[in-house]
C-alpha atoms as a PDB file:
ATOM      1  CA  MET A   1       0.076  -0.008   0.023  1.00  0.00           C
ATOM      2  CA  THR A   2       1.110   3.572  -0.977  1.00  0.00           C
ATOM      3  CA  VAL A   3       0.677   5.543   2.212  1.00  0.00           C
ATOM      4  CA  ALA A   4      -0.327   9.367   2.557  1.00  0.00           C
ATOM      5  CA  HIS A   5       2.620  11.790   2.903  1.00  0.00           C
ATOM      6  CA  CYS A   6       2.983  15.517   3.002  1.00  0.00           C
ATOM      7  CA  GLU A   7       6.089  16.383   1.121  1.00  0.00           C
ATOM      8  CA  THR A   8       8.785  13.711   2.542  1.00  0.00           C
ATOM      9  CA  VAL A   9       6.996  13.129   5.586  1.00  0.00           C
ATOM     10  CA  SER A  10       4.586   9.979   6.023  1.00  0.00           C
ATOM     11  CA  ALA A  11       3.549   7.723   9.018  1.00  0.00           C
ATOM     12  CA  ILE A  12       6.312   5.462   7.973  1.00  0.00           C
ATOM     13  CA  SER A  13       9.119   7.932   7.638  1.00  0.00           C
ATOM     14  CA  LEU A  14       8.046   8.969  11.344  1.00  0.00           C
ATOM     15  CA  GLY A  15       8.386   5.580  12.599  1.00  0.00           C
ATOM     16  CA  LEU A  16       4.735   4.889  13.222  1.00  0.00           C
ATOM     17  CA  PRO A  17       3.342   1.361  12.452  1.00  0.00           C
ATOM     18  CA  GLN A  18       2.189   1.061   8.951  1.00  0.00           C
ATOM     19  CA  THR A  19      -1.069  -0.426  10.181  1.00  0.00           C
ATOM     20  CA  CYS A  20      -1.967   3.154  11.170  1.00  0.00           C
ATOM     21  CA  ALA A  21      -1.040   4.708   8.166  1.00  0.00           C
ATOM     22  CA  ILE A  22      -3.683   6.286   5.526  1.00  0.00           C
ATOM     23  CA  PRO A  23      -3.764   5.141   2.251  1.00  0.00           C
ATOM     24  CA  GLU A  24      -2.355   7.753  -0.237  1.00  0.00           C
ATOM     25  CA  ALA A  25      -5.933   7.837  -2.025  1.00  0.00           C
ATOM     26  CA  LYS A  26      -7.466   8.903   1.127  1.00  0.00           C
ATOM     27  CA  GLY A  27      -4.828  11.190   2.623  1.00  0.00           C
ATOM     28  CA  THR A  28      -5.693  14.765   1.144  1.00  0.00           C
ATOM     29  CA  LEU A  29      -7.989  16.957   3.117  1.00  0.00           C
ATOM     30  CA  PRO A  30      -9.429  20.035   0.802  1.00  0.00           C
ATOM     31  CA  LYS A  31      -8.728  23.069   2.903  1.00  0.00           C
ATOM     32  CA  GLN A  32     -12.116  24.214   2.072  1.00  0.00           C
ATOM     33  CA  MET A  33     -13.711  21.503   4.291  1.00  0.00           C
ATOM     34  CA  PHE A  34     -12.418  23.372   7.350  1.00  0.00           C
ATOM     35  CA  TYR A  35     -13.438  27.032   6.507  1.00  0.00           C
ATOM     36  CA  LEU A  36     -16.457  27.014   4.414  1.00  0.00           C
ATOM     37  CA  LYS A  37     -18.973  25.060   6.394  1.00  0.00           C
ATOM     38  CA  PRO A  38     -19.387  26.745   9.096  1.00  0.00           C
ATOM     39  CA  PRO A  39     -18.368  29.896   7.570  1.00  0.00           C
ATOM     40  CA  VAL A  40     -15.268  31.551   9.618  1.00  0.00           C
ATOM     41  CA  SER A  41     -13.984  35.007   9.881  1.00  0.00           C
ATOM     42  CA  ALA A  42     -12.145  36.731   6.929  1.00  0.00           C
ATOM     43  CA  ARG A  43      -8.854  36.712   8.904  1.00  0.00           C
ATOM     44  CA  LEU A  44      -9.033  32.892   9.611  1.00  0.00           C
ATOM     45  CA  LYS A  45     -10.028  32.355   5.917  1.00  0.00           C
ATOM     46  CA  GLN A  46      -7.069  34.292   4.845  1.00  0.00           C
ATOM     47  CA  ARG A  47      -4.914  32.030   7.397  1.00  0.00           C
ATOM     48  CA  PHE A  48      -6.084  29.081   5.423  1.00  0.00           C
ATOM     49  CA  VAL A  49      -5.930  30.341   1.953  1.00  0.00           C
ATOM     50  CA  GLY A  50      -2.369  32.194   2.366  1.00  0.00           C
ATOM     51  CA  ASP A  51      -0.621  30.378   5.153  1.00  0.00           C
ATOM     52  CA  VAL A  52      -1.569  26.804   4.314  1.00  0.00           C
ATOM     53  CA  ASP A  53      -0.647  25.118   0.982  1.00  0.00           C
ATOM     54  CA  SER A  54      -1.986  21.330   1.610  1.00  0.00           C
ATOM     55  CA  ILE A  55      -3.345  19.497   4.673  1.00  0.00           C
ATOM     56  CA  THR A  56      -2.870  15.860   4.689  1.00  0.00           C
ATOM     57  CA  MET A  57      -4.006  12.988   7.106  1.00  0.00           C
ATOM     58  CA  LEU A  58      -1.076  10.836   7.682  1.00  0.00           C
ATOM     59  CA  ALA A  59      -2.231   8.371  10.431  1.00  0.00           C
ATOM     60  CA  LEU A  60      -5.049   7.410  12.239  1.00  0.00           C
ATOM     61  CA  LEU A  61      -4.459   5.863  15.905  1.00  0.00           C
ATOM     62  CA  ARG A  62      -6.892   3.417  17.150  1.00  0.00           C
ATOM     63  CA  PRO A  63      -6.871   0.345  19.467  1.00  0.00           C
ATOM     64  CA  ASN A  64      -6.993  -1.564  16.430  1.00  0.00           C
ATOM     65  CA  THR A  65      -4.322   0.167  14.376  1.00  0.00           C
ATOM     66  CA  ILE A  66      -1.594   0.238  16.979  1.00  0.00           C
ATOM     67  CA  GLY A  67      -2.395  -2.745  18.997  1.00  0.00           C
ATOM     68  CA  VAL A  68      -3.486  -0.981  22.398  1.00  0.00           C
ATOM     69  CA  ALA A  69      -6.300  -0.861  24.870  1.00  0.00           C
ATOM     70  CA  GLN A  70      -9.044   1.715  24.259  1.00  0.00           C
ATOM     71  CA  GLY A  71      -8.642   4.838  26.552  1.00  0.00           C
ATOM     72  CA  ALA A  72     -10.832   6.495  28.909  1.00  0.00           C
ATOM     73  CA  LYS A  73     -10.536   9.804  27.792  1.00  0.00           C
ATOM     74  CA  VAL A  74      -8.805   9.334  24.164  1.00  0.00           C
ATOM     75  CA  ARG A  75     -10.909   7.441  21.482  1.00  0.00           C
ATOM     76  CA  GLU A  76      -8.518   8.195  18.365  1.00  0.00           C
ATOM     77  CA  ILE A  77      -5.440  10.134  17.486  1.00  0.00           C
ATOM     78  CA  LEU A  78      -5.288  11.666  14.247  1.00  0.00           C
ATOM     79  CA  VAL A  79      -1.808  12.564  12.959  1.00  0.00           C
ATOM     80  CA  MET A  80      -2.239  15.430  10.293  1.00  0.00           C
ATOM     81  CA  GLY A  81       0.271  17.057   8.256  1.00  0.00           C
ATOM     82  CA  ILE A  82       0.237  20.849   7.156  1.00  0.00           C
ATOM     83  CA  LYS A  83       2.404  22.031   4.332  1.00  0.00           C
ATOM     84  CA  GLN A  84       2.550  25.603   5.174  1.00  0.00           C
ATOM     85  CA  ASN A  85       3.545  28.983   3.224  1.00  0.00           C
ATOM     86  CA  CYS A  86       4.572  31.090   6.378  1.00  0.00           C
ATOM     87  CA  PRO A  87       7.703  30.850   8.681  1.00  0.00           C
ATOM     88  CA  GLY A  88       5.863  30.090  11.699  1.00  0.00           C
ATOM     89  CA  ALA A  89       3.492  27.367  12.537  1.00  0.00           C
ATOM     90  CA  PRO A  90      -0.047  28.172  11.824  1.00  0.00           C
ATOM     91  CA  VAL A  91      -1.402  28.135  15.055  1.00  0.00           C
ATOM     92  CA  GLU A  92      -4.742  29.577  14.297  1.00  0.00           C
ATOM     93  CA  VAL A  93      -5.683  27.089  11.915  1.00  0.00           C
ATOM     94  CA  MET A  94      -4.494  24.160  13.906  1.00  0.00           C
ATOM     95  CA  GLU A  95      -6.850  25.491  16.499  1.00  0.00           C
ATOM     96  CA  HIS A  96      -9.666  25.649  14.441  1.00  0.00           C
ATOM     97  CA  ILE A  97      -9.151  22.205  12.947  1.00  0.00           C
ATOM     98  CA  ALA A  98      -8.945  20.975  16.502  1.00  0.00           C
ATOM     99  CA  LYS A  99     -12.169  22.547  17.526  1.00  0.00           C
ATOM    100  CA  LEU A 100     -14.052  21.215  14.251  1.00  0.00           C
ATOM    101  CA  ARG A 101     -12.604  17.625  15.387  1.00  0.00           C
ATOM    102  CA  SER A 102     -13.081  18.012  19.194  1.00  0.00           C
ATOM    103  CA  SER A 103     -13.823  14.185  19.261  1.00  0.00           C
ATOM    104  CA  SER A 104     -10.445  13.391  18.320  1.00  0.00           C
ATOM    105  CA  ASN A 105      -6.910  14.432  19.287  1.00  0.00           C
ATOM    106  CA  ILE A 106      -4.863  15.667  16.853  1.00  0.00           C
ATOM    107  CA  LEU A 107      -0.949  15.613  16.406  1.00  0.00           C
ATOM    108  CA  PHE A 108       0.067  17.981  13.751  1.00  0.00           C
ATOM    109  CA  VAL A 109       2.822  17.674  11.463  1.00  0.00           C
ATOM    110  CA  CYS A 110       4.111  21.402  10.274  1.00  0.00           C
ATOM    111  CA  LEU A 111       6.239  21.239   7.126  1.00  0.00           C
ATOM    112  CA  ARG A 112       7.872  24.446   5.826  1.00  0.00           C
ATOM    113  CA  ASP A 113      10.570  24.834   3.262  1.00  0.00           C
ATOM    114  CA  ALA A 114      13.869  25.742   4.811  1.00  0.00           C
ATOM    115  CA  SER A 115      14.121  29.163   3.040  1.00  0.00           C
ATOM    116  CA  LEU A 116      11.275  30.321   4.836  1.00  0.00           C
ATOM    117  CA  ALA A 117      13.041  30.102   8.062  1.00  0.00           C
ATOM    118  CA  LYS A 118      15.701  32.417   6.387  1.00  0.00           C
ATOM    119  CA  GLY A 119      13.136  34.977   5.346  1.00  0.00           C
ATOM    120  CA  ASP A 120      14.021  34.289   1.853  1.00  0.00           C
ATOM    121  CA  ASN A 121      11.118  35.577  -0.046  1.00  0.00           C
ATOM    122  CA  THR A 122      11.931  33.021  -3.320  1.00  0.00           C
ATOM    123  CA  SER A 123       9.664  30.593  -1.530  1.00  0.00           C
ATOM    124  CA  ASN A 124       6.704  32.603  -2.008  1.00  0.00           C
ATOM    125  CA  VAL A 125       7.487  33.177  -5.865  1.00  0.00           C
ATOM    126  CA  THR A 126       5.371  30.920  -8.334  1.00  0.00           C
ATOM    127  CA  VAL A 127       7.232  29.771 -11.669  1.00  0.00           C
ATOM    128  CA  GLU A 128       5.189  28.405 -14.544  1.00  0.00           C
ATOM    129  CA  TYR A 129       6.044  25.059 -15.702  1.00  0.00           C
ATOM    130  CA  ASP A 130       4.085  23.092 -18.415  1.00  0.00           C
ATOM    131  CA  GLY A 131       1.447  25.243 -18.411  1.00  0.00           C
ATOM    132  CA  GLY A 132       0.947  25.378 -14.798  1.00  0.00           C
ATOM    133  CA  THR A 133       2.749  26.915 -11.657  1.00  0.00           C
ATOM    134  CA  ALA A 134       4.643  25.749  -8.718  1.00  0.00           C
ATOM    135  CA  ARG A 135       6.056  27.463  -5.726  1.00  0.00           C
ATOM    136  CA  LYS A 136       9.628  28.158  -5.848  1.00  0.00           C
ATOM    137  CA  GLY A 137      11.496  26.963  -2.742  1.00  0.00           C
ATOM    138  CA  SER A 138      14.887  25.287  -1.621  1.00  0.00           C
ATOM    139  CA  GLY A 139      13.065  21.615  -1.413  1.00  0.00           C
ATOM    140  CA  ASP A 140      14.773  21.143   1.831  1.00  0.00           C
ATOM    141  CA  TRP A 141      12.031  20.465   4.226  1.00  0.00           C
ATOM    142  CA  GLN A 142      11.702  21.147   7.986  1.00  0.00           C
ATOM    143  CA  CYS A 143       9.252  19.861  10.611  1.00  0.00           C
ATOM    144  CA  ALA A 144       7.668  21.015  13.576  1.00  0.00           C
ATOM    145  CA  PHE A 145       5.071  19.049  15.850  1.00  0.00           C
ATOM    146  CA  ALA A 146       2.186  20.641  17.389  1.00  0.00           C
ATOM    147  CA  VAL A 147      -0.477  19.625  19.932  1.00  0.00           C
ATOM    148  CA  GLN A 148      -3.290  21.454  21.734  1.00  0.00           C
ATOM    149  CA  ARG A 149      -4.140  20.450  25.258  1.00  0.00           C
ATOM    150  CA  THR A 150      -6.673  21.617  27.980  1.00  0.00           C
ATOM    151  CA  LEU A 151      -4.934  23.387  30.937  1.00  0.00           C
ATOM    152  CA  PRO A 152      -5.652  22.199  34.319  1.00  0.00           C
ATOM    153  CA  VAL A 153      -7.985  24.609  36.368  1.00  0.00           C
ATOM    154  CA  ARG A 154      -6.039  26.176  38.767  1.00  0.00           C
ATOM    155  CA  ALA A 155      -7.248  25.839  42.762  1.00  0.00           C
ATOM    156  CA  GLY A 156      -9.910  28.338  43.797  1.00  0.00           C
ATOM    157  CA  HIS A 157     -10.662  29.462  40.024  1.00  0.00           C
ATOM    158  CA  GLN A 158     -13.823  28.748  38.218  1.00  0.00           C
ATOM    159  CA  GLY A 159     -14.986  29.303  34.492  1.00  0.00           C
ATOM    160  CA  GLU A 160     -14.402  27.175  31.339  1.00  0.00           C
ATOM    161  CA  ALA A 161     -11.300  25.497  30.652  1.00  0.00           C
ATOM    162  CA  GLN A 162      -8.663  26.946  28.777  1.00  0.00           C
ATOM    163  CA  THR A 163      -6.551  25.289  25.818  1.00  0.00           C
ATOM    164  CA  GLN A 164      -3.236  26.116  24.846  1.00  0.00           C
ATOM    165  CA  THR A 165      -1.167  25.102  21.481  1.00  0.00           C
ATOM    166  CA  TYR A 166       2.261  23.718  21.843  1.00  0.00           C
ATOM    167  CA  VAL A 167       4.727  23.597  18.983  1.00  0.00           C
ATOM    168  CA  SER A 168       8.233  21.899  18.969  1.00  0.00           C
ATOM    169  CA  ASP A 169      11.225  23.269  17.871  1.00  0.00           C
ATOM    170  CA  TRP A 170      11.660  22.694  13.874  1.00  0.00           C
ATOM    171  CA  GLN A 171      13.997  20.298  12.540  1.00  0.00           C
ATOM    172  CA  ALA A 172      14.826  18.504   9.185  1.00  0.00           C
ATOM    173  CA  ALA A 173      11.877  16.755   8.155  1.00  0.00           C
ATOM    174  CA  LYS A 174      14.239  13.592   7.406  1.00  0.00           C
ATOM    175  CA  ASP A 175      15.003  13.401  11.238  1.00  0.00           C
ATOM    176  CA  ALA A 176      11.518  13.928  12.407  1.00  0.00           C
ATOM    177  CA  THR A 177      10.187  10.754  14.376  1.00  0.00           C
ATOM    178  CA  LEU A 178       7.531   9.622  16.632  1.00  0.00           C
ATOM    179  CA  SER A 179       7.216   6.505  18.782  1.00  0.00           C
ATOM    180  CA  VAL A 180       4.201   4.912  19.738  1.00  0.00           C
ATOM    181  CA  ASN A 181       4.359   4.093  23.843  1.00  0.00           C
ATOM    182  CA  GLY A 182       1.925   3.177  26.080  1.00  0.00           C
ATOM    183  CA  ASP A 183      -0.840   0.127  27.054  1.00  0.00           C
ATOM    184  CA  THR A 184      -3.724   2.288  26.512  1.00  0.00           C
ATOM    185  CA  LEU A 185      -4.855   5.314  23.958  1.00  0.00           C
ATOM    186  CA  ASP A 186      -4.565   7.674  27.035  1.00  0.00           C
ATOM    187  CA  HIS A 187      -0.922   6.830  27.711  1.00  0.00           C
ATOM    188  CA  VAL A 188      -0.211   6.876  24.129  1.00  0.00           C
ATOM    189  CA  TRP A 189      -1.528  10.364  23.543  1.00  0.00           C
ATOM    190  CA  GLN A 190       0.278  11.623  27.001  1.00  0.00           C
ATOM    191  CA  ASN A 191       3.456  10.165  25.565  1.00  0.00           C
ATOM    192  CA  LEU A 192       3.247  11.823  21.949  1.00  0.00           C
ATOM    193  CA  CYS A 193       2.619  15.136  23.406  1.00  0.00           C
ATOM    194  CA  ALA A 194       5.551  14.772  25.485  1.00  0.00           C
ATOM    195  CA  GLN A 195       7.581  14.434  22.494  1.00  0.00           C
ATOM    196  CA  ALA A 196       5.944  17.405  20.820  1.00  0.00           C
ATOM    197  CA  ILE A 197       6.509  19.643  23.785  1.00  0.00           C
ATOM    198  CA  PHE A 198       9.702  18.522  25.593  1.00  0.00           C
ATOM    199  CA  GLY A 199      11.371  16.121  22.914  1.00  0.00           C
ATOM    200  CA  ASP A 200      10.853  12.986  25.102  1.00  0.00           C
ATOM    201  CA  SER A 201       8.556  10.385  25.447  1.00  0.00           C
ATOM    202  CA  ASP A 202       7.706  10.494  29.099  1.00  0.00           C
ATOM    203  CA  GLY A 203       4.020  11.322  29.376  1.00  0.00           C
ATOM    204  CA  SER A 204       3.785  10.860  33.243  1.00  0.00           C
ATOM    205  CA  ASP A 205       3.023  13.980  35.171  1.00  0.00           C
ATOM    206  CA  LEU A 206       2.949  16.080  32.104  1.00  0.00           C
ATOM    207  CA  ASP A 207       0.444  18.691  33.522  1.00  0.00           C
ATOM    208  CA  ALA A 208       2.991  19.290  36.361  1.00  0.00           C
ATOM    209  CA  ARG A 209       5.884  19.527  33.911  1.00  0.00           C
ATOM    210  CA  LEU A 210       3.774  21.950  31.637  1.00  0.00           C
ATOM    211  CA  ALA A 211       2.756  24.348  35.060  1.00  0.00           C
ATOM    212  CA  LYS A 212       6.502  24.293  35.909  1.00  0.00           C
ATOM    213  CA  GLN A 213       7.535  25.224  32.322  1.00  0.00           C
ATOM    214  CA  ALA A 214       4.566  27.968  32.355  1.00  0.00           C
ATOM    215  CA  ALA A 215       6.255  29.206  35.904  1.00  0.00           C
ATOM    216  CA  ILE A 216       9.680  28.999  34.394  1.00  0.00           C
ATOM    217  CA  ALA A 217       8.809  31.257  31.568  1.00  0.00           C
ATOM    218  CA  GLU A 218       6.947  33.831  33.563  1.00  0.00           C
ATOM    219  CA  LEU A 219       9.678  34.348  36.101  1.00  0.00           C
ATOM    220  CA  THR A 220      12.261  34.570  33.457  1.00  0.00           C
ATOM    221  CA  ALA A 221      10.302  37.234  31.805  1.00  0.00           C
ATOM    222  CA  GLN A 222       9.510  38.992  35.412  1.00  0.00           C
ATOM    223  CA  ILE A 223      13.280  38.688  35.929  1.00  0.00           C
ATOM    224  CA  THR A 224      13.946  40.729  32.367  1.00  0.00           C
ATOM    225  CA  LYS A 225      11.713  43.529  33.199  1.00  0.00           C
ATOM    226  CA  LEU A 226      12.886  43.919  36.720  1.00  0.00           C
ATOM    227  CA  GLU A 227      16.483  44.094  35.529  1.00  0.00           C
ATOM    228  CA  GLY A 228      15.238  46.542  32.997  1.00  0.00           C
ATOM    229  CA  ASP A 229      13.675  48.671  35.678  1.00  0.00           C
ATOM    230  CA  HIS A 230      16.542  48.502  38.065  1.00  0.00           C
ATOM    231  CA  THR A 231      18.986  49.663  35.651  1.00  0.00           C
ATOM    232  CA  ARG A 232      16.615  52.789  34.831  1.00  0.00           C
ATOM    233  CA  ALA A 233      15.501  53.731  38.194  1.00  0.00           C
ATOM    234  CA  LYS A 234      17.184  56.903  39.504  1.00  0.00           C
ATOM    235  CA  ASP A 235      15.852  57.033  43.051  1.00  0.00           C
ATOM    236  CA  GLY A 236      17.970  54.816  45.572  1.00  0.00           C
ATOM    237  CA  THR A 237      14.858  53.683  47.494  1.00  0.00           C
ATOM    238  CA  LYS A 238      12.995  52.735  44.330  1.00  0.00           C
ATOM    239  CA  ARG A 239      16.236  50.631  43.154  1.00  0.00           C
ATOM    240  CA  ASN A 240      16.232  48.715  46.548  1.00  0.00           C
ATOM    241  CA  GLU A 241      12.767  48.011  46.296  1.00  0.00           C
ATOM    242  CA  ILE A 242      13.125  46.505  42.679  1.00  0.00           C
ATOM    243  CA  PHE A 243      16.302  44.710  43.747  1.00  0.00           C
ATOM    244  CA  VAL A 244      14.307  42.942  46.534  1.00  0.00           C
ATOM    245  CA  LYS A 245      11.800  41.803  44.172  1.00  0.00           C
ATOM    246  CA  LEU A 246      14.375  40.882  41.747  1.00  0.00           C
ATOM    247  CA  HIS A 247      16.582  38.728  44.264  1.00  0.00           C
ATOM    248  CA  LYS A 248      13.176  36.990  45.169  1.00  0.00           C
ATOM    249  CA  ALA A 249      12.081  36.053  41.724  1.00  0.00           C
ATOM    250  CA  ARG A 250      15.933  34.801  41.030  1.00  0.00           C
ATOM    251  CA  LYS A 251      15.585  32.498  44.060  1.00  0.00           C
ATOM    252  CA  GLN A 252      12.231  31.428  43.047  1.00  0.00           C
ATOM    253  CA  LEU A 253      13.534  30.592  39.506  1.00  0.00           C
ATOM    254  CA  GLU A 254      16.642  28.994  40.905  1.00  0.00           C
ATOM    255  CA  ALA A 255      14.278  26.513  43.099  1.00  0.00           C
ATOM    256  CA  LEU A 256      12.258  25.439  39.901  1.00  0.00           C
ATOM    257  CA  GLN A 257      15.492  24.767  37.589  1.00  0.00           C
END
């Protein structure tokens, strides 16, 4: 069976079992199916039209396709390739697709031409061939993984659960791999998320790891601001107040790290 592929990436190239790979004839998903019904805002439609070249279903992970038990929460995992025309991962597009397919967990595989990362506008130039057109680029493909997760509700807080999209660092598409680990589909999804977010396959205590990551990012930003405020402060009393806050933030960051 010839399997679906998004440029150089397929379920097989990612290291996924062939039993979960989508046949090539069924892999292509027209972009219009995601933004015509229901209709979307003009801004989001432009993201689909301008930022996305094609969307391909690469793999479908279910108990019968990867040989694991059904999960209590996760019923299936889609691996979806997005060939993009923009430098950064098309987060708005992925979040909309995830919302439409809320019954499925989706791992996105974003593909971009390496020239986009360098700000080379030639990747957006079309050239004619045999009466048609093709996008000109380097032909050197890069890959990033993306997943959307529901954030844990903080103690004492009420309201709707919030979601966040996590995007991995970019790497050469030829080096991009995923591993299917876990006894249930719940465990497989946690481990895939860990691979996309942290670059390892340990999905245990993932929410705690994400909370720690967020706290480190927040403290790092706070320290950067306080350092700038301290440098600019002219009043001695004000400088001392800022220094106390800066020292406290640094100690908190040190403890987390």
